[in-house]
């Protein structure tokens, strides 16, 4: 039975990635450890920087929890596949890395590689072969939008260069995955969970064809499938 660990910015990101992993594993059994954002099992006494969002992911990668049940080193030792998620829109935030990324989009991959390189450096400079980086451009909602509403994605192409693609999901029927609250986008966890099967079914809208809508979704799927196919972790 495979052991799959998840380090993600937020719960809805985790829901989507976990659904895809289940699809890719088919009938193979697996167990899940959701270690970032902290679950109730690990939350007590943790540094506040290890809460939801990219700062929590970066802090975890930098080893603020090197040991313990949810620690970085423990995860690398135990996981058959460790998926680390961070949205590429963080590349333009100087708090993530200074100087911030200021390149054009397209090409989509430039900002994603910027984020990947910084995460890898935070992990010690080497990415273990049981670890997979999931870096959506510009964020996970671009992939969700493509999966559920490919026509809307096409109207806003290239969707991976669209800033705040979640705005296109605000109260969009029939799923209404996102709403606005106090001027900010709020993703509805229960609605993501209830519509997960539809998101997974629509995943080929992101990845299919000679010129897929979401090149970074293709990259993630290829790398995740390779890691999931291994029988045990292989460390550098």
C-alpha atoms as a PDB file:
ATOM      1  CA  UNK A   1       0.000   0.000   0.000  1.00  0.00           C
ATOM      2  CA  UNK A   2       1.472   3.320  -1.047  1.00  0.00           C
ATOM      3  CA  UNK A   3       1.921   6.176   1.413  1.00  0.00           C
ATOM      4  CA  UNK A   4       1.076   9.537  -0.160  1.00  0.00           C
ATOM      5  CA  UNK A   5       1.950  12.748   1.688  1.00  0.00           C
ATOM      6  CA  UNK A   6       0.540  16.172   0.825  1.00  0.00           C
ATOM      7  CA  UNK A   7       2.047  19.595   1.483  1.00  0.00           C
ATOM      8  CA  UNK A   8      -0.272  22.219  -0.014  1.00  0.00           C
ATOM      9  CA  UNK A   9      -1.205  25.862   0.330  1.00  0.00           C
ATOM     10  CA  UNK A  10      -4.811  25.150   1.230  1.00  0.00           C
ATOM     11  CA  UNK A  11      -7.489  22.542   1.714  1.00  0.00           C
ATOM     12  CA  UNK A  12      -9.137  22.955  -1.699  1.00  0.00           C
ATOM     13  CA  UNK A  13      -5.780  22.499  -3.438  1.00  0.00           C
ATOM     14  CA  UNK A  14      -5.313  19.324  -1.441  1.00  0.00           C
ATOM     15  CA  UNK A  15      -8.766  18.051  -2.412  1.00  0.00           C
ATOM     16  CA  UNK A  16      -8.073  18.467  -6.124  1.00  0.00           C
ATOM     17  CA  UNK A  17      -4.608  16.909  -6.031  1.00  0.00           C
ATOM     18  CA  UNK A  18      -5.762  13.990  -3.903  1.00  0.00           C
ATOM     19  CA  UNK A  19      -8.607  13.300  -6.331  1.00  0.00           C
ATOM     20  CA  UNK A  20      -6.191  13.228  -9.255  1.00  0.00           C
ATOM     21  CA  UNK A  21      -3.812  10.901  -7.420  1.00  0.00           C
ATOM     22  CA  UNK A  22      -6.646   8.505  -6.676  1.00  0.00           C
ATOM     23  CA  UNK A  23      -7.570   8.498 -10.376  1.00  0.00           C
ATOM     24  CA  UNK A  24      -3.981   7.864 -11.469  1.00  0.00           C
ATOM     25  CA  UNK A  25      -3.472   5.028  -8.983  1.00  0.00           C
ATOM     26  CA  UNK A  26      -6.584   3.253 -10.202  1.00  0.00           C
ATOM     27  CA  UNK A  27      -7.326   0.210  -8.079  1.00  0.00           C
ATOM     28  CA  UNK A  28      -4.104   0.438  -6.086  1.00  0.00           C
ATOM     29  CA  UNK A  29      -4.648   1.090  -2.382  1.00  0.00           C
ATOM     30  CA  UNK A  30      -2.967   4.022  -0.678  1.00  0.00           C
ATOM     31  CA  UNK A  31      -2.939   5.901   2.599  1.00  0.00           C
ATOM     32  CA  UNK A  32      -2.899   9.681   2.919  1.00  0.00           C
ATOM     33  CA  UNK A  33      -1.026  11.983   5.290  1.00  0.00           C
ATOM     34  CA  UNK A  34      -2.101  15.609   4.975  1.00  0.00           C
ATOM     35  CA  UNK A  35       0.729  17.386   6.751  1.00  0.00           C
ATOM     36  CA  UNK A  36       0.493  20.942   5.434  1.00  0.00           C
ATOM     37  CA  UNK A  37      -1.672  22.911   6.115  1.00  0.00           C
ATOM     38  CA  UNK A  38      -1.487  21.329   9.570  1.00  0.00           C
ATOM     39  CA  UNK A  39      -4.298  18.932  10.365  1.00  0.00           C
ATOM     40  CA  UNK A  40      -5.785  18.855  13.831  1.00  0.00           C
ATOM     41  CA  UNK A  41      -3.390  16.028  14.691  1.00  0.00           C
ATOM     42  CA  UNK A  42      -0.362  18.263  14.233  1.00  0.00           C
ATOM     43  CA  UNK A  43      -1.630  21.809  14.803  1.00  0.00           C
ATOM     44  CA  UNK A  44      -1.060  22.227  18.524  1.00  0.00           C
ATOM     45  CA  UNK A  45       1.905  24.396  19.375  1.00  0.00           C
ATOM     46  CA  UNK A  46       3.054  24.953  15.802  1.00  0.00           C
ATOM     47  CA  UNK A  47       4.633  28.138  14.527  1.00  0.00           C
ATOM     48  CA  UNK A  48       1.904  30.332  13.020  1.00  0.00           C
ATOM     49  CA  UNK A  49       3.931  30.504   9.795  1.00  0.00           C
ATOM     50  CA  UNK A  50       3.027  26.854   9.257  1.00  0.00           C
ATOM     51  CA  UNK A  51      -0.622  27.665   8.670  1.00  0.00           C
ATOM     52  CA  UNK A  52      -2.375  27.851   5.313  1.00  0.00           C
ATOM     53  CA  UNK A  53      -0.856  29.621   2.325  1.00  0.00           C
ATOM     54  CA  UNK A  54       2.466  29.724   0.545  1.00  0.00           C
ATOM     55  CA  UNK A  55       4.323  30.927   3.642  1.00  0.00           C
ATOM     56  CA  UNK A  56       3.366  27.738   5.423  1.00  0.00           C
ATOM     57  CA  UNK A  57       4.569  25.600   2.519  1.00  0.00           C
ATOM     58  CA  UNK A  58       7.851  27.494   2.248  1.00  0.00           C
ATOM     59  CA  UNK A  59       8.448  27.313   5.999  1.00  0.00           C
ATOM     60  CA  UNK A  60       7.839  23.566   5.929  1.00  0.00           C
ATOM     61  CA  UNK A  61      10.217  23.116   2.999  1.00  0.00           C
ATOM     62  CA  UNK A  62      12.833  25.194   4.821  1.00  0.00           C
ATOM     63  CA  UNK A  63      12.732  22.713   7.682  1.00  0.00           C
ATOM     64  CA  UNK A  64      10.891  24.521  10.462  1.00  0.00           C
ATOM     65  CA  UNK A  65       9.538  21.054  11.204  1.00  0.00           C
ATOM     66  CA  UNK A  66      12.531  18.871  10.354  1.00  0.00           C
ATOM     67  CA  UNK A  67      11.484  16.076  12.695  1.00  0.00           C
ATOM     68  CA  UNK A  68       8.223  15.048  14.409  1.00  0.00           C
ATOM     69  CA  UNK A  69       5.294  13.172  12.795  1.00  0.00           C
ATOM     70  CA  UNK A  70       4.714  16.019  10.328  1.00  0.00           C
ATOM     71  CA  UNK A  71       8.346  16.985   9.863  1.00  0.00           C
ATOM     72  CA  UNK A  72      10.227  17.337   6.623  1.00  0.00           C
ATOM     73  CA  UNK A  73      12.809  14.622   7.188  1.00  0.00           C
ATOM     74  CA  UNK A  74      10.201  12.205   8.493  1.00  0.00           C
ATOM     75  CA  UNK A  75       8.055  12.774   5.405  1.00  0.00           C
ATOM     76  CA  UNK A  76      10.961  12.124   3.046  1.00  0.00           C
ATOM     77  CA  UNK A  77      11.779   8.896   4.861  1.00  0.00           C
ATOM     78  CA  UNK A  78       8.237   7.569   5.045  1.00  0.00           C
ATOM     79  CA  UNK A  79       6.449   8.696   1.880  1.00  0.00           C
ATOM     80  CA  UNK A  80       6.286   6.670  -1.288  1.00  0.00           C
ATOM     81  CA  UNK A  81       5.227   9.924  -2.917  1.00  0.00           C
ATOM     82  CA  UNK A  82       5.368  13.398  -1.354  1.00  0.00           C
ATOM     83  CA  UNK A  83       3.502  16.087  -3.309  1.00  0.00           C
ATOM     84  CA  UNK A  84       4.448  19.693  -2.569  1.00  0.00           C
ATOM     85  CA  UNK A  85       2.115  22.335  -3.995  1.00  0.00           C
ATOM     86  CA  UNK A  86       2.613  26.062  -4.434  1.00  0.00           C
ATOM     87  CA  UNK A  87       0.900  28.398  -6.897  1.00  0.00           C
ATOM     88  CA  UNK A  88       3.170  30.172  -9.372  1.00  0.00           C
ATOM     89  CA  UNK A  89       1.646  33.594  -8.679  1.00  0.00           C
ATOM     90  CA  UNK A  90       3.894  33.808  -5.607  1.00  0.00           C
ATOM     91  CA  UNK A  91       6.858  34.402  -7.940  1.00  0.00           C
ATOM     92  CA  UNK A  92       6.039  38.118  -8.158  1.00  0.00           C
ATOM     93  CA  UNK A  93       5.895  38.532  -4.370  1.00  0.00           C
ATOM     94  CA  UNK A  94       9.175  39.959  -2.984  1.00  0.00           C
ATOM     95  CA  UNK A  95       8.413  38.273   0.332  1.00  0.00           C
ATOM     96  CA  UNK A  96       8.801  34.940  -1.443  1.00  0.00           C
ATOM     97  CA  UNK A  97      12.141  35.762  -3.026  1.00  0.00           C
ATOM     98  CA  UNK A  98      14.027  39.013  -3.600  1.00  0.00           C
ATOM     99  CA  UNK A  99      14.295  40.280  -6.247  1.00  0.00           C
ATOM    100  CA  UNK A 100      10.892  39.061  -7.349  1.00  0.00           C
ATOM    101  CA  UNK A 101      10.303  37.461 -10.729  1.00  0.00           C
ATOM    102  CA  UNK A 102       9.437  40.078 -13.345  1.00  0.00           C
ATOM    103  CA  UNK A 103       9.437  38.110 -16.589  1.00  0.00           C
ATOM    104  CA  UNK A 104       6.618  37.999 -19.139  1.00  0.00           C
ATOM    105  CA  UNK A 105       3.876  35.406 -19.437  1.00  0.00           C
ATOM    106  CA  UNK A 106       3.937  33.642 -21.825  1.00  0.00           C
ATOM    107  CA  UNK A 107       6.142  31.721 -21.597  1.00  0.00           C
ATOM    108  CA  UNK A 108       4.236  30.099 -18.769  1.00  0.00           C
ATOM    109  CA  UNK A 109       7.068  27.940 -17.510  1.00  0.00           C
ATOM    110  CA  UNK A 110       9.427  30.770 -16.524  1.00  0.00           C
ATOM    111  CA  UNK A 111       7.598  31.807 -13.336  1.00  0.00           C
ATOM    112  CA  UNK A 112       6.920  28.161 -12.492  1.00  0.00           C
ATOM    113  CA  UNK A 113      10.610  27.302 -12.790  1.00  0.00           C
ATOM    114  CA  UNK A 114      11.427  30.318 -10.592  1.00  0.00           C
ATOM    115  CA  UNK A 115       9.178  28.903  -7.877  1.00  0.00           C
ATOM    116  CA  UNK A 116      10.430  25.348  -8.363  1.00  0.00           C
ATOM    117  CA  UNK A 117      14.062  26.430  -8.058  1.00  0.00           C
ATOM    118  CA  UNK A 118      13.430  28.349  -4.833  1.00  0.00           C
ATOM    119  CA  UNK A 119      11.470  25.483  -3.283  1.00  0.00           C
ATOM    120  CA  UNK A 120      14.196  23.028  -4.245  1.00  0.00           C
ATOM    121  CA  UNK A 121      16.814  25.283  -2.676  1.00  0.00           C
ATOM    122  CA  UNK A 122      14.697  25.493   0.476  1.00  0.00           C
ATOM    123  CA  UNK A 123      14.591  21.703   0.580  1.00  0.00           C
ATOM    124  CA  UNK A 124      18.374  21.630   0.696  1.00  0.00           C
ATOM    125  CA  UNK A 125      19.211  21.865  -2.996  1.00  0.00           C
ATOM    126  CA  UNK A 126      18.173  18.363  -4.009  1.00  0.00           C
ATOM    127  CA  UNK A 127      14.669  17.126  -4.692  1.00  0.00           C
ATOM    128  CA  UNK A 128      14.336  13.495  -3.565  1.00  0.00           C
ATOM    129  CA  UNK A 129      12.924  11.252  -6.260  1.00  0.00           C
ATOM    130  CA  UNK A 130       9.866  10.473  -4.150  1.00  0.00           C
ATOM    131  CA  UNK A 131       8.968  14.201  -4.092  1.00  0.00           C
ATOM    132  CA  UNK A 132       6.867  15.916  -6.752  1.00  0.00           C
ATOM    133  CA  UNK A 133       6.426  19.667  -7.127  1.00  0.00           C
ATOM    134  CA  UNK A 134       2.950  20.771  -8.183  1.00  0.00           C
ATOM    135  CA  UNK A 135       3.200  24.380  -9.420  1.00  0.00           C
ATOM    136  CA  UNK A 136       0.000  25.549 -11.152  1.00  0.00           C
ATOM    137  CA  UNK A 137       0.161  28.703 -13.260  1.00  0.00           C
ATOM    138  CA  UNK A 138      -1.010  31.111 -12.077  1.00  0.00           C
ATOM    139  CA  UNK A 139      -2.872  29.116  -9.445  1.00  0.00           C
ATOM    140  CA  UNK A 140      -4.908  25.945  -8.979  1.00  0.00           C
ATOM    141  CA  UNK A 141      -8.137  27.636 -10.048  1.00  0.00           C
ATOM    142  CA  UNK A 142      -6.831  27.907 -13.628  1.00  0.00           C
ATOM    143  CA  UNK A 143      -6.791  24.115 -13.745  1.00  0.00           C
ATOM    144  CA  UNK A 144     -10.171  23.818 -12.038  1.00  0.00           C
ATOM    145  CA  UNK A 145     -11.682  26.332 -14.459  1.00  0.00           C
ATOM    146  CA  UNK A 146     -10.336  24.402 -17.452  1.00  0.00           C
ATOM    147  CA  UNK A 147     -11.628  21.126 -16.073  1.00  0.00           C
ATOM    148  CA  UNK A 148     -15.161  22.412 -15.500  1.00  0.00           C
ATOM    149  CA  UNK A 149     -15.526  25.316 -17.938  1.00  0.00           C
ATOM    150  CA  UNK A 150     -13.136  24.867 -20.881  1.00  0.00           C
ATOM    151  CA  UNK A 151     -15.072  27.377 -22.972  1.00  0.00           C
ATOM    152  CA  UNK A 152     -14.506  30.089 -20.358  1.00  0.00           C
ATOM    153  CA  UNK A 153     -10.828  29.170 -20.224  1.00  0.00           C
ATOM    154  CA  UNK A 154     -10.622  29.550 -23.993  1.00  0.00           C
ATOM    155  CA  UNK A 155     -12.240  32.984 -23.791  1.00  0.00           C
ATOM    156  CA  UNK A 156      -9.436  33.977 -21.407  1.00  0.00           C
ATOM    157  CA  UNK A 157      -6.553  32.226 -23.113  1.00  0.00           C
ATOM    158  CA  UNK A 158      -3.805  31.664 -22.282  1.00  0.00           C
ATOM    159  CA  UNK A 159      -5.510  30.784 -19.022  1.00  0.00           C
ATOM    160  CA  UNK A 160      -2.200  29.984 -17.293  1.00  0.00           C
ATOM    161  CA  UNK A 161      -1.206  33.640 -17.661  1.00  0.00           C
ATOM    162  CA  UNK A 162      -4.493  34.941 -16.269  1.00  0.00           C
ATOM    163  CA  UNK A 163      -4.043  36.702 -12.929  1.00  0.00           C
ATOM    164  CA  UNK A 164      -6.495  35.524 -10.252  1.00  0.00           C
ATOM    165  CA  UNK A 165      -8.307  32.954 -12.425  1.00  0.00           C
ATOM    166  CA  UNK A 166     -10.494  32.126  -9.436  1.00  0.00           C
ATOM    167  CA  UNK A 167     -12.411  35.325 -10.152  1.00  0.00           C
ATOM    168  CA  UNK A 168     -13.830  33.546 -13.196  1.00  0.00           C
ATOM    169  CA  UNK A 169     -15.307  30.900 -10.869  1.00  0.00           C
ATOM    170  CA  UNK A 170     -17.124  33.341  -8.577  1.00  0.00           C
ATOM    171  CA  UNK A 171     -20.729  32.143  -8.369  1.00  0.00           C
ATOM    172  CA  UNK A 172     -20.357  30.465 -11.776  1.00  0.00           C
ATOM    173  CA  UNK A 173     -23.155  27.969 -12.184  1.00  0.00           C
ATOM    174  CA  UNK A 174     -23.772  25.179 -11.659  1.00  0.00           C
ATOM    175  CA  UNK A 175     -20.938  24.566  -9.175  1.00  0.00           C
ATOM    176  CA  UNK A 176     -20.424  27.941  -7.442  1.00  0.00           C
ATOM    177  CA  UNK A 177     -17.043  26.894  -6.093  1.00  0.00           C
ATOM    178  CA  UNK A 178     -15.879  30.427  -5.264  1.00  0.00           C
ATOM    179  CA  UNK A 179     -17.549  33.464  -3.744  1.00  0.00           C
ATOM    180  CA  UNK A 180     -16.434  36.908  -2.698  1.00  0.00           C
ATOM    181  CA  UNK A 181     -16.266  37.868   0.960  1.00  0.00           C
ATOM    182  CA  UNK A 182     -15.036  41.266   2.112  1.00  0.00           C
ATOM    183  CA  UNK A 183     -13.566  41.854  -1.335  1.00  0.00           C
ATOM    184  CA  UNK A 184     -11.553  38.629  -1.315  1.00  0.00           C
ATOM    185  CA  UNK A 185     -12.069  35.333  -3.072  1.00  0.00           C
ATOM    186  CA  UNK A 186     -13.225  32.534  -0.797  1.00  0.00           C
ATOM    187  CA  UNK A 187     -13.103  28.957  -2.010  1.00  0.00           C
ATOM    188  CA  UNK A 188     -15.891  26.725  -0.712  1.00  0.00           C
ATOM    189  CA  UNK A 189     -14.273  23.564   0.648  1.00  0.00           C
ATOM    190  CA  UNK A 190     -17.492  21.548   0.732  1.00  0.00           C
ATOM    191  CA  UNK A 191     -18.327  22.420  -2.864  1.00  0.00           C
ATOM    192  CA  UNK A 192     -14.869  21.430  -4.064  1.00  0.00           C
ATOM    193  CA  UNK A 193     -15.305  18.124  -2.285  1.00  0.00           C
ATOM    194  CA  UNK A 194     -18.822  17.583  -3.648  1.00  0.00           C
ATOM    195  CA  UNK A 195     -17.713  18.336  -7.213  1.00  0.00           C
ATOM    196  CA  UNK A 196     -14.357  16.575  -7.104  1.00  0.00           C
ATOM    197  CA  UNK A 197     -15.479  13.764  -9.403  1.00  0.00           C
ATOM    198  CA  UNK A 198     -16.455  16.338 -12.026  1.00  0.00           C
ATOM    199  CA  UNK A 199     -13.114  18.128 -11.729  1.00  0.00           C
ATOM    200  CA  UNK A 200     -11.236  14.846 -12.144  1.00  0.00           C
ATOM    201  CA  UNK A 201     -13.430  13.801 -15.071  1.00  0.00           C
ATOM    202  CA  UNK A 202     -12.743  17.146 -16.741  1.00  0.00           C
ATOM    203  CA  UNK A 203      -8.976  16.975 -16.177  1.00  0.00           C
ATOM    204  CA  UNK A 204      -8.280  16.082 -19.849  1.00  0.00           C
ATOM    205  CA  UNK A 205      -9.611  19.544 -20.727  1.00  0.00           C
ATOM    206  CA  UNK A 206      -6.367  20.784 -19.109  1.00  0.00           C
ATOM    207  CA  UNK A 207      -3.930  18.269 -20.547  1.00  0.00           C
ATOM    208  CA  UNK A 208      -5.189  16.728 -23.782  1.00  0.00           C
ATOM    209  CA  UNK A 209      -4.064  17.557 -27.303  1.00  0.00           C
ATOM    210  CA  UNK A 210      -0.896  18.684 -29.028  1.00  0.00           C
ATOM    211  CA  UNK A 211      -1.276  22.163 -27.522  1.00  0.00           C
ATOM    212  CA  UNK A 212      -2.878  21.587 -24.104  1.00  0.00           C
ATOM    213  CA  UNK A 213      -4.538  24.476 -22.310  1.00  0.00           C
ATOM    214  CA  UNK A 214      -2.398  23.959 -19.206  1.00  0.00           C
ATOM    215  CA  UNK A 215       1.192  22.958 -19.884  1.00  0.00           C
ATOM    216  CA  UNK A 216       2.030  22.921 -16.184  1.00  0.00           C
ATOM    217  CA  UNK A 217      -0.829  20.499 -15.521  1.00  0.00           C
ATOM    218  CA  UNK A 218       0.753  18.184 -18.083  1.00  0.00           C
ATOM    219  CA  UNK A 219       4.101  18.518 -16.343  1.00  0.00           C
ATOM    220  CA  UNK A 220       2.617  17.769 -12.939  1.00  0.00           C
ATOM    221  CA  UNK A 221       0.746  14.710 -14.173  1.00  0.00           C
ATOM    222  CA  UNK A 222       3.820  13.276 -15.879  1.00  0.00           C
ATOM    223  CA  UNK A 223       6.038  13.784 -12.843  1.00  0.00           C
ATOM    224  CA  UNK A 224       3.423  12.529 -10.396  1.00  0.00           C
ATOM    225  CA  UNK A 225       2.743   9.396 -12.412  1.00  0.00           C
ATOM    226  CA  UNK A 226       6.451   8.584 -12.510  1.00  0.00           C
ATOM    227  CA  UNK A 227       6.772   8.974  -8.747  1.00  0.00           C
ATOM    228  CA  UNK A 228       3.613   6.991  -8.068  1.00  0.00           C
ATOM    229  CA  UNK A 229       4.853   4.139 -10.246  1.00  0.00           C
ATOM    230  CA  UNK A 230       7.935   3.590  -8.103  1.00  0.00           C
ATOM    231  CA  UNK A 231       7.789   0.791  -5.571  1.00  0.00           C
ATOM    232  CA  UNK A 232       9.726   2.650  -2.888  1.00  0.00           C
ATOM    233  CA  UNK A 233      11.471   5.989  -2.332  1.00  0.00           C
ATOM    234  CA  UNK A 234      14.826   6.448  -4.058  1.00  0.00           C
ATOM    235  CA  UNK A 235      16.947   9.127  -2.427  1.00  0.00           C
ATOM    236  CA  UNK A 236      19.691  11.150  -4.139  1.00  0.00           C
END
